[in-house]
Amino acid sequence: LPSAALIVAPTSLMKNWLDEATRFAPALKCVVYHGAERRKQLA
């Protein structure tokens, strides 16, 4: 996994994906690209 994997989903599932990743695969570093500050957050 040399670079990030991008997961595209409906808006209603953003929180669900983050919760599931935190619960089942806490070693994966995740970011939700959403909201007004999304570009800065990703940078």
All heavy atoms as atom14 arrays in JSON, in Angstrom:
{
  "sequence": "LPSAALIVAPTSLMKNWLDEATRFAPALKCVVYHGAERRKQLA",
  "atom14_mask": [
    [1, 1, 1, 1, 1, 1, 1, 1, 0, 0, 0, 0, 0, 0],
    [1, 1, 1, 1, 1, 1, 1, 0, 0, 0, 0, 0, 0, 0],
    [1, 1, 1, 1, 1, 1, 0, 0, 0, 0, 0, 0, 0, 0],
    [1, 1, 1, 1, 1, 0, 0, 0, 0, 0, 0, 0, 0, 0],
    [1, 1, 1, 1, 1, 0, 0, 0, 0, 0, 0, 0, 0, 0],
    [1, 1, 1, 1, 1, 1, 1, 1, 0, 0, 0, 0, 0, 0],
    [1, 1, 1, 1, 1, 1, 1, 1, 0, 0, 0, 0, 0, 0],
    [1, 1, 1, 1, 1, 1, 1, 0, 0, 0, 0, 0, 0, 0],
    [1, 1, 1, 1, 1, 0, 0, 0, 0, 0, 0, 0, 0, 0],
    [1, 1, 1, 1, 1, 1, 1, 0, 0, 0, 0, 0, 0, 0],
    [1, 1, 1, 1, 1, 1, 1, 0, 0, 0, 0, 0, 0, 0],
    [1, 1, 1, 1, 1, 1, 0, 0, 0, 0, 0, 0, 0, 0],
    [1, 1, 1, 1, 1, 1, 1, 1, 0, 0, 0, 0, 0, 0],
    [1, 1, 1, 1, 1, 1, 1, 1, 0, 0, 0, 0, 0, 0],
    [1, 1, 1, 1, 1, 1, 1, 1, 1, 0, 0, 0, 0, 0],
    [1, 1, 1, 1, 1, 1, 1, 1, 0, 0, 0, 0, 0, 0],
    [1, 1, 1, 1, 1, 1, 1, 1, 1, 1, 1, 1, 1, 1],
    [1, 1, 1, 1, 1, 1, 1, 1, 0, 0, 0, 0, 0, 0],
    [1, 1, 1, 1, 1, 1, 1, 1, 0, 0, 0, 0, 0, 0],
    [1, 1, 1, 1, 1, 1, 1, 1, 1, 0, 0, 0, 0, 0],
    [1, 1, 1, 1, 1, 0, 0, 0, 0, 0, 0, 0, 0, 0],
    [1, 1, 1, 1, 1, 1, 1, 0, 0, 0, 0, 0, 0, 0],
    [1, 1, 1, 1, 1, 1, 1, 1, 1, 1, 1, 0, 0, 0],
    [1, 1, 1, 1, 1, 1, 1, 1, 1, 1, 1, 0, 0, 0],
    [1, 1, 1, 1, 1, 0, 0, 0, 0, 0, 0, 0, 0, 0],
    [1, 1, 1, 1, 1, 1, 1, 0, 0, 0, 0, 0, 0, 0],
    [1, 1, 1, 1, 1, 0, 0, 0, 0, 0, 0, 0, 0, 0],
    [1, 1, 1, 1, 1, 1, 1, 1, 0, 0, 0, 0, 0, 0],
    [1, 1, 1, 1, 1, 1, 1, 1, 1, 0, 0, 0, 0, 0],
    [1, 1, 1, 1, 1, 1, 0, 0, 0, 0, 0, 0, 0, 0],
    [1, 1, 1, 1, 1, 1, 1, 0, 0, 0, 0, 0, 0, 0],
    [1, 1, 1, 1, 1, 1, 1, 0, 0, 0, 0, 0, 0, 0],
    [1, 1, 1, 1, 1, 1, 1, 1, 1, 1, 1, 1, 0, 0],
    [1, 1, 1, 1, 1, 1, 1, 1, 1, 1, 0, 0, 0, 0],
    [1, 1, 1, 1, 0, 0, 0, 0, 0, 0, 0, 0, 0, 0],
    [1, 1, 1, 1, 1, 0, 0, 0, 0, 0, 0, 0, 0, 0],
    [1, 1, 1, 1, 1, 1, 1, 1, 1, 0, 0, 0, 0, 0],
    [1, 1, 1, 1, 1, 1, 1, 1, 1, 1, 1, 0, 0, 0],
    [1, 1, 1, 1, 1, 1, 1, 1, 1, 1, 1, 0, 0, 0],
    [1, 1, 1, 1, 1, 1, 1, 1, 1, 0, 0, 0, 0, 0],
    [1, 1, 1, 1, 1, 1, 1, 1, 1, 0, 0, 0, 0, 0],
    [1, 1, 1, 1, 1, 1, 1, 1, 0, 0, 0, 0, 0, 0],
    [1, 1, 1, 1, 1, 0, 0, 0, 0, 0, 0, 0, 0, 0]
  ],
  "atom14_positions": [
    [[0.86, -1.18, 0.0], [0.0, 0.0, 0.0], [0.9, 1.24, 0.0], [0.9, 2.05, 0.94], [-0.91, -0.02, 1.24], [-2.31, 0.6, 1.11], [-3.12, -0.13, 0.05], [-3.03, 0.57, 2.45], [0.0, 0.0, 0.0], [0.0, 0.0, 0.0], [0.0, 0.0, 0.0], [0.0, 0.0, 0.0], [0.0, 0.0, 0.0], [0.0, 0.0, 0.0]],
    [[1.7, 1.41, -1.09], [2.67, 2.52, -1.11], [2.03, 3.89, -1.15], [2.62, 4.88, -0.74], [3.47, 2.24, -2.39], [2.54, 1.47, -3.27], [1.71, 0.63, -2.33], [0.0, 0.0, 0.0], [0.0, 0.0, 0.0], [0.0, 0.0, 0.0], [0.0, 0.0, 0.0], [0.0, 0.0, 0.0], [0.0, 0.0, 0.0], [0.0, 0.0, 0.0]],
    [[0.82, 3.96, -1.69], [0.08, 5.22, -1.72], [-1.33, 4.95, -1.2], [-1.72, 3.8, -0.98], [0.04, 5.79, -3.14], [-0.52, 4.85, -4.04], [0.0, 0.0, 0.0], [0.0, 0.0, 0.0], [0.0, 0.0, 0.0], [0.0, 0.0, 0.0], [0.0, 0.0, 0.0], [0.0, 0.0, 0.0], [0.0, 0.0, 0.0], [0.0, 0.0, 0.0]],
    [[-2.08, 6.0, -1.01], [-3.4, 5.86, -0.39], [-4.38, 5.12, -1.29], [-4.27, 5.13, -2.52], [-3.96, 7.24, -0.05], [0.0, 0.0, 0.0], [0.0, 0.0, 0.0], [0.0, 0.0, 0.0], [0.0, 0.0, 0.0], [0.0, 0.0, 0.0], [0.0, 0.0, 0.0], [0.0, 0.0, 0.0], [0.0, 0.0, 0.0], [0.0, 0.0, 0.0]],
    [[-5.32, 4.45, -0.67], [-6.48, 3.9, -1.38], [-7.62, 4.9, -1.22], [-7.84, 5.44, -0.13], [-6.87, 2.55, -0.79], [0.0, 0.0, 0.0], [0.0, 0.0, 0.0], [0.0, 0.0, 0.0], [0.0, 0.0, 0.0], [0.0, 0.0, 0.0], [0.0, 0.0, 0.0], [0.0, 0.0, 0.0], [0.0, 0.0, 0.0], [0.0, 0.0, 0.0]],
    [[-8.34, 5.16, -2.31], [-9.45, 6.1, -2.29], [-10.76, 5.32, -2.32], [-10.97, 4.48, -3.2], [-9.39, 7.04, -3.5], [-10.56, 8.02, -3.65], [-10.58, 9.02, -2.49], [-10.47, 8.77, -4.99], [0.0, 0.0, 0.0], [0.0, 0.0, 0.0], [0.0, 0.0, 0.0], [0.0, 0.0, 0.0], [0.0, 0.0, 0.0], [0.0, 0.0, 0.0]],
    [[-11.62, 5.59, -1.34], [-12.93, 4.94, -1.27], [-13.99, 6.01, -1.49], [-14.08, 6.97, -0.71], [-13.13, 4.24, 0.08], [-12.09, 3.12, 0.24], [-14.54, 3.66, 0.18], [-12.12, 2.42, 1.59], [0.0, 0.0, 0.0], [0.0, 0.0, 0.0], [0.0, 0.0, 0.0], [0.0, 0.0, 0.0], [0.0, 0.0, 0.0], [0.0, 0.0, 0.0]],
    [[-14.77, 5.85, -2.56], [-15.82, 6.81, -2.9], [-17.16, 6.17, -2.55], [-17.44, 5.03, -2.93], [-15.79, 7.16, -4.4], [-16.78, 8.28, -4.7], [-14.38, 7.57, -4.82], [0.0, 0.0, 0.0], [0.0, 0.0, 0.0], [0.0, 0.0, 0.0], [0.0, 0.0, 0.0], [0.0, 0.0, 0.0], [0.0, 0.0, 0.0], [0.0, 0.0, 0.0]],
    [[-17.99, 6.9, -1.8], [-19.25, 6.35, -1.33], [-20.28, 7.47, -1.22], [-19.94, 8.65, -1.27], [-19.06, 5.69, 0.05], [0.0, 0.0, 0.0], [0.0, 0.0, 0.0], [0.0, 0.0, 0.0], [0.0, 0.0, 0.0], [0.0, 0.0, 0.0], [0.0, 0.0, 0.0], [0.0, 0.0, 0.0], [0.0, 0.0, 0.0], [0.0, 0.0, 0.0]],
    [[-21.57, 7.11, -1.1], [-22.59, 8.14, -0.84], [-22.29, 8.91, 0.44], [-21.64, 8.38, 1.36], [-23.88, 7.34, -0.72], [-23.63, 6.08, -1.47], [-22.17, 5.78, -1.27], [0.0, 0.0, 0.0], [0.0, 0.0, 0.0], [0.0, 0.0, 0.0], [0.0, 0.0, 0.0], [0.0, 0.0, 0.0], [0.0, 0.0, 0.0], [0.0, 0.0, 0.0]],
    [[-22.76, 10.13, 0.51], [-22.48, 10.99, 1.66], [-22.89, 10.34, 2.98], [-22.19, 10.44, 3.99], [-23.22, 12.33, 1.5], [-22.85, 12.92, 0.25], [-22.87, 13.3, 2.62], [0.0, 0.0, 0.0], [0.0, 0.0, 0.0], [0.0, 0.0, 0.0], [0.0, 0.0, 0.0], [0.0, 0.0, 0.0], [0.0, 0.0, 0.0], [0.0, 0.0, 0.0]],
    [[-24.02, 9.63, 2.97], [-24.54, 9.04, 4.2], [-23.63, 7.96, 4.76], [-23.78, 7.57, 5.93], [-25.94, 8.46, 3.95], [-25.88, 7.46, 2.95], [0.0, 0.0, 0.0], [0.0, 0.0, 0.0], [0.0, 0.0, 0.0], [0.0, 0.0, 0.0], [0.0, 0.0, 0.0], [0.0, 0.0, 0.0], [0.0, 0.0, 0.0], [0.0, 0.0, 0.0]],
    [[-22.66, 7.48, 3.98], [-21.81, 6.37, 4.43], [-20.43, 6.81, 4.91], [-19.63, 5.97, 5.32], [-21.65, 5.34, 3.31], [-22.93, 4.72, 2.77], [-22.6, 3.58, 1.81], [-23.81, 4.22, 3.9], [0.0, 0.0, 0.0], [0.0, 0.0, 0.0], [0.0, 0.0, 0.0], [0.0, 0.0, 0.0], [0.0, 0.0, 0.0], [0.0, 0.0, 0.0]],
    [[-20.14, 8.1, 4.86], [-18.81, 8.55, 5.26], [-18.5, 8.16, 6.71], [-17.46, 7.59, 7.02], [-18.7, 10.08, 5.11], [-18.62, 10.57, 3.67], [-17.11, 10.06, 2.81], [-17.71, 8.61, 1.95], [0.0, 0.0, 0.0], [0.0, 0.0, 0.0], [0.0, 0.0, 0.0], [0.0, 0.0, 0.0], [0.0, 0.0, 0.0], [0.0, 0.0, 0.0]],
    [[-19.44, 8.48, 7.62], [-19.23, 8.16, 9.03], [-19.17, 6.65, 9.25], [-18.38, 6.15, 10.05], [-20.37, 8.78, 9.86], [-20.25, 8.57, 11.37], [-19.06, 9.33, 11.93], [-19.11, 9.45, 13.45], [-19.22, 8.17, 14.16], [0.0, 0.0, 0.0], [0.0, 0.0, 0.0], [0.0, 0.0, 0.0], [0.0, 0.0, 0.0], [0.0, 0.0, 0.0]],
    [[-19.97, 5.92, 8.51], [-20.0, 4.47, 8.65], [-18.65, 3.85, 8.27], [-18.13, 2.99, 8.98], [-21.1, 3.89, 7.77], [-21.2, 2.39, 7.89], [-21.66, 1.88, 8.9], [-20.75, 1.67, 6.86], [0.0, 0.0, 0.0], [0.0, 0.0, 0.0], [0.0, 0.0, 0.0], [0.0, 0.0, 0.0], [0.0, 0.0, 0.0], [0.0, 0.0, 0.0]],
    [[-18.07, 4.31, 7.15], [-16.77, 3.78, 6.73], [-15.69, 4.09, 7.78], [-14.88, 3.22, 8.12], [-16.36, 4.39, 5.39], [-16.75, 3.56, 4.21], [-17.78, 3.76, 3.36], [-16.09, 2.37, 3.74], [-17.81, 2.78, 2.39], [-16.79, 1.91, 2.61], [-14.98, 1.65, 4.18], [-16.41, 0.77, 1.89], [-14.61, 0.51, 3.48], [-15.31, 0.07, 2.35]],
    [[-15.69, 5.31, 8.29], [-14.69, 5.69, 9.29], [-14.85, 4.87, 10.56], [-13.87, 4.38, 11.14], [-14.79, 7.18, 9.61], [-13.74, 7.74, 10.57], [-12.34, 7.55, 10.01], [-14.0, 9.21, 10.86], [0.0, 0.0, 0.0], [0.0, 0.0, 0.0], [0.0, 0.0, 0.0], [0.0, 0.0, 0.0], [0.0, 0.0, 0.0], [0.0, 0.0, 0.0]],
    [[-16.1, 4.69, 11.01], [-16.34, 3.9, 12.22], [-15.9, 2.45, 12.04], [-15.28, 1.85, 12.93], [-17.83, 3.93, 12.58], [-18.27, 5.29, 13.11], [-17.38, 6.1, 13.44], [-19.49, 5.53, 13.2], [0.0, 0.0, 0.0], [0.0, 0.0, 0.0], [0.0, 0.0, 0.0], [0.0, 0.0, 0.0], [0.0, 0.0, 0.0], [0.0, 0.0, 0.0]],
    [[-16.23, 1.85, 10.88], [-15.86, 0.46, 10.62], [-14.35, 0.3, 10.54], [-13.78, -0.68, 11.05], [-16.51, -0.02, 9.32], [-18.02, -0.04, 9.35], [-18.58, -1.19, 10.17], [-18.7, -2.29, 9.65], [-18.88, -0.95, 11.36], [0.0, 0.0, 0.0], [0.0, 0.0, 0.0], [0.0, 0.0, 0.0], [0.0, 0.0, 0.0], [0.0, 0.0, 0.0]],
    [[-13.67, 1.26, 9.89], [-12.21, 1.18, 9.79], [-11.56, 1.31, 11.17], [-10.62, 0.58, 11.5], [-11.69, 2.27, 8.86], [0.0, 0.0, 0.0], [0.0, 0.0, 0.0], [0.0, 0.0, 0.0], [0.0, 0.0, 0.0], [0.0, 0.0, 0.0], [0.0, 0.0, 0.0], [0.0, 0.0, 0.0], [0.0, 0.0, 0.0], [0.0, 0.0, 0.0]],
    [[-12.06, 2.24, 11.98], [-11.53, 2.43, 13.34], [-11.75, 1.19, 14.19], [-10.89, 0.81, 14.99], [-12.21, 3.65, 13.99], [-12.0, 4.79, 13.17], [-11.62, 3.91, 15.37], [0.0, 0.0, 0.0], [0.0, 0.0, 0.0], [0.0, 0.0, 0.0], [0.0, 0.0, 0.0], [0.0, 0.0, 0.0], [0.0, 0.0, 0.0], [0.0, 0.0, 0.0]],
    [[-12.9, 0.55, 14.0], [-13.24, -0.62, 14.81], [-12.47, -1.87, 14.39], [-11.91, -2.57, 15.23], [-14.74, -0.87, 14.69], [-15.23, -2.14, 15.39], [-16.7, -2.36, 15.12], [-17.18, -3.63, 15.64], [-18.37, -4.16, 15.39], [-19.21, -3.49, 14.6], [-18.72, -5.31, 15.89], [0.0, 0.0, 0.0], [0.0, 0.0, 0.0], [0.0, 0.0, 0.0]],
    [[-12.42, -2.16, 13.09], [-11.87, -3.43, 12.62], [-10.39, -3.35, 12.2], [-9.68, -4.35, 12.29], [-12.69, -3.97, 11.44], [-14.06, -4.42, 11.81], [-15.17, -3.67, 11.48], [-14.25, -5.6, 12.52], [-16.45, -4.08, 11.83], [-15.53, -6.02, 12.87], [-16.63, -5.26, 12.53], [0.0, 0.0, 0.0], [0.0, 0.0, 0.0], [0.0, 0.0, 0.0]],
    [[-9.95, -2.19, 11.71], [-8.58, -2.08, 11.22], [-7.95, -0.8, 11.75], [-7.63, 0.12, 10.98], [-8.57, -2.1, 9.69], [0.0, 0.0, 0.0], [0.0, 0.0, 0.0], [0.0, 0.0, 0.0], [0.0, 0.0, 0.0], [0.0, 0.0, 0.0], [0.0, 0.0, 0.0], [0.0, 0.0, 0.0], [0.0, 0.0, 0.0], [0.0, 0.0, 0.0]],
    [[-7.75, -0.7, 13.07], [-7.23, 0.54, 13.66], [-5.84, 0.92, 13.16], [-5.44, 2.07, 13.3], [-7.23, 0.24, 15.17], [-7.26, -1.25, 15.28], [-8.02, -1.73, 14.09], [0.0, 0.0, 0.0], [0.0, 0.0, 0.0], [0.0, 0.0, 0.0], [0.0, 0.0, 0.0], [0.0, 0.0, 0.0], [0.0, 0.0, 0.0], [0.0, 0.0, 0.0]],
    [[-5.1, -0.03, 12.59], [-3.75, 0.28, 12.1], [-3.79, 1.09, 10.81], [-2.77, 1.67, 10.42], [-2.97, -1.02, 11.87], [0.0, 0.0, 0.0], [0.0, 0.0, 0.0], [0.0, 0.0, 0.0], [0.0, 0.0, 0.0], [0.0, 0.0, 0.0], [0.0, 0.0, 0.0], [0.0, 0.0, 0.0], [0.0, 0.0, 0.0], [0.0, 0.0, 0.0]],
    [[-4.93, 1.12, 10.14], [-5.04, 1.91, 8.91], [-5.26, 3.38, 9.26], [-6.19, 3.71, 9.99], [-6.2, 1.39, 8.06], [-6.04, 0.0, 7.45], [-7.33, -0.43, 6.77], [-4.88, -0.04, 6.45], [0.0, 0.0, 0.0], [0.0, 0.0, 0.0], [0.0, 0.0, 0.0], [0.0, 0.0, 0.0], [0.0, 0.0, 0.0], [0.0, 0.0, 0.0]],
    [[-4.46, 4.24, 8.71], [-4.59, 5.67, 8.95], [-5.58, 6.24, 7.94], [-5.36, 6.16, 6.73], [-3.23, 6.37, 8.83], [-3.25, 7.82, 9.32], [-1.86, 8.4, 9.37], [-1.88, 9.83, 9.94], [-0.53, 10.41, 10.01], [0.0, 0.0, 0.0], [0.0, 0.0, 0.0], [0.0, 0.0, 0.0], [0.0, 0.0, 0.0], [0.0, 0.0, 0.0]],
    [[-6.66, 6.82, 8.44], [-7.77, 7.23, 7.57], [-8.02, 8.73, 7.67], [-7.75, 9.36, 8.7], [-9.05, 6.49, 7.96], [-8.88, 4.69, 8.01], [0.0, 0.0, 0.0], [0.0, 0.0, 0.0], [0.0, 0.0, 0.0], [0.0, 0.0, 0.0], [0.0, 0.0, 0.0], [0.0, 0.0, 0.0], [0.0, 0.0, 0.0], [0.0, 0.0, 0.0]],
    [[-8.56, 9.27, 6.58], [-9.02, 10.65, 6.59], [-10.3, 10.73, 5.77], [-10.41, 10.1, 4.71], [-7.94, 11.61, 6.03], [-7.61, 11.28, 4.58], [-8.39, 13.06, 6.15], [0.0, 0.0, 0.0], [0.0, 0.0, 0.0], [0.0, 0.0, 0.0], [0.0, 0.0, 0.0], [0.0, 0.0, 0.0], [0.0, 0.0, 0.0], [0.0, 0.0, 0.0]],
    [[-11.27, 11.48, 6.29], [-12.52, 11.72, 5.56], [-12.38, 13.05, 4.83], [-12.25, 14.1, 5.46], [-13.73, 11.74, 6.51], [-15.01, 12.1, 5.73], [-13.89, 10.4, 7.2], [0.0, 0.0, 0.0], [0.0, 0.0, 0.0], [0.0, 0.0, 0.0], [0.0, 0.0, 0.0], [0.0, 0.0, 0.0], [0.0, 0.0, 0.0], [0.0, 0.0, 0.0]],
    [[-12.39, 12.99, 3.5], [-12.26, 14.2, 2.69], [-13.65, 14.8, 2.51], [-14.41, 14.43, 1.61], [-11.62, 13.85, 1.34], [-11.35, 15.04, 0.46], [-10.23, 15.84, 0.66], [-12.21, 15.37, -0.58], [-9.98, 16.95, -0.14], [-11.98, 16.47, -1.39], [-10.86, 17.26, -1.16], [-10.62, 18.35, -1.95], [0.0, 0.0, 0.0], [0.0, 0.0, 0.0]],
    [[-13.98, 15.74, 3.4], [-15.33, 16.28, 3.42], [-15.3, 17.6, 4.17], [-14.42, 17.84, 4.99], [-16.29, 15.29, 4.11], [-17.73, 15.53, 3.8], [-18.62, 16.09, 4.68], [-18.44, 15.3, 2.67], [-19.81, 16.17, 4.13], [-19.74, 15.7, 2.91], [0.0, 0.0, 0.0], [0.0, 0.0, 0.0], [0.0, 0.0, 0.0], [0.0, 0.0, 0.0]],
    [[-16.24, 18.46, 3.89], [-16.34, 19.72, 4.62], [-15.56, 20.85, 3.97], [-14.8, 20.67, 3.01], [0.0, 0.0, 0.0], [0.0, 0.0, 0.0], [0.0, 0.0, 0.0], [0.0, 0.0, 0.0], [0.0, 0.0, 0.0], [0.0, 0.0, 0.0], [0.0, 0.0, 0.0], [0.0, 0.0, 0.0], [0.0, 0.0, 0.0], [0.0, 0.0, 0.0]],
    [[-15.72, 22.04, 4.55], [-15.13, 23.25, 3.97], [-13.6, 23.24, 4.0], [-12.94, 23.8, 3.13], [-15.65, 24.49, 4.71], [0.0, 0.0, 0.0], [0.0, 0.0, 0.0], [0.0, 0.0, 0.0], [0.0, 0.0, 0.0], [0.0, 0.0, 0.0], [0.0, 0.0, 0.0], [0.0, 0.0, 0.0], [0.0, 0.0, 0.0], [0.0, 0.0, 0.0]],
    [[-13.0, 22.59, 5.02], [-11.54, 22.58, 5.18], [-10.92, 21.3, 4.63], [-9.82, 20.92, 5.02], [-11.19, 22.72, 6.66], [-11.7, 23.99, 7.31], [-11.02, 25.23, 6.74], [-9.79, 25.16, 6.5], [-11.7, 26.25, 6.53], [0.0, 0.0, 0.0], [0.0, 0.0, 0.0], [0.0, 0.0, 0.0], [0.0, 0.0, 0.0], [0.0, 0.0, 0.0]],
    [[-11.59, 20.63, 3.71], [-11.15, 19.3, 3.28], [-9.78, 19.3, 2.6], [-8.96, 18.42, 2.85], [-12.19, 18.68, 2.35], [-12.54, 19.49, 1.12], [-13.68, 18.85, 0.35], [-14.03, 19.57, -0.86], [-14.89, 20.58, -0.9], [-15.51, 20.97, 0.2], [-15.16, 21.2, -2.05], [0.0, 0.0, 0.0], [0.0, 0.0, 0.0], [0.0, 0.0, 0.0]],
    [[-9.5, 20.29, 1.76], [-8.2, 20.31, 1.06], [-7.05, 20.51, 2.04], [-6.01, 19.85, 1.94], [-8.18, 21.41, -0.01], [-9.03, 21.06, -1.24], [-8.9, 22.11, -2.33], [-9.65, 21.74, -3.51], [-9.11, 21.38, -4.69], [-7.79, 21.35, -4.8], [-9.86, 21.07, -5.71], [0.0, 0.0, 0.0], [0.0, 0.0, 0.0], [0.0, 0.0, 0.0]],
    [[-7.26, 21.4, 2.99], [-6.22, 21.64, 4.0], [-6.02, 20.4, 4.88], [-4.89, 20.03, 5.19], [-6.61, 22.84, 4.87], [-5.58, 23.19, 5.93], [-6.02, 24.42, 6.71], [-4.97, 24.85, 7.71], [-4.62, 23.8, 8.68], [0.0, 0.0, 0.0], [0.0, 0.0, 0.0], [0.0, 0.0, 0.0], [0.0, 0.0, 0.0], [0.0, 0.0, 0.0]],
    [[-7.12, 19.77, 5.24], [-7.03, 18.58, 6.08], [-6.23, 17.47, 5.39], [-5.39, 16.81, 6.01], [-8.43, 18.07, 6.42], [-8.44, 16.84, 7.33], [-9.83, 16.29, 7.53], [-10.77, 16.71, 6.87], [-9.97, 15.36, 8.45], [0.0, 0.0, 0.0], [0.0, 0.0, 0.0], [0.0, 0.0, 0.0], [0.0, 0.0, 0.0], [0.0, 0.0, 0.0]],
    [[-6.45, 17.29, 4.1], [-5.73, 16.26, 3.36], [-4.26, 16.63, 3.22], [-3.37, 15.77, 3.33], [-6.37, 16.07, 1.98], [-5.89, 14.86, 1.18], [-6.13, 13.57, 1.94], [-6.57, 14.81, -0.18], [0.0, 0.0, 0.0], [0.0, 0.0, 0.0], [0.0, 0.0, 0.0], [0.0, 0.0, 0.0], [0.0, 0.0, 0.0], [0.0, 0.0, 0.0]],
    [[-3.98, 17.91, 3.0], [-2.59, 18.35, 2.88], [-1.84, 18.19, 4.19], [-0.63, 17.93, 4.21], [-2.55, 19.81, 2.42], [0.0, 0.0, 0.0], [0.0, 0.0, 0.0], [0.0, 0.0, 0.0], [0.0, 0.0, 0.0], [0.0, 0.0, 0.0], [0.0, 0.0, 0.0], [0.0, 0.0, 0.0], [0.0, 0.0, 0.0], [0.0, 0.0, 0.0]]
  ]
}
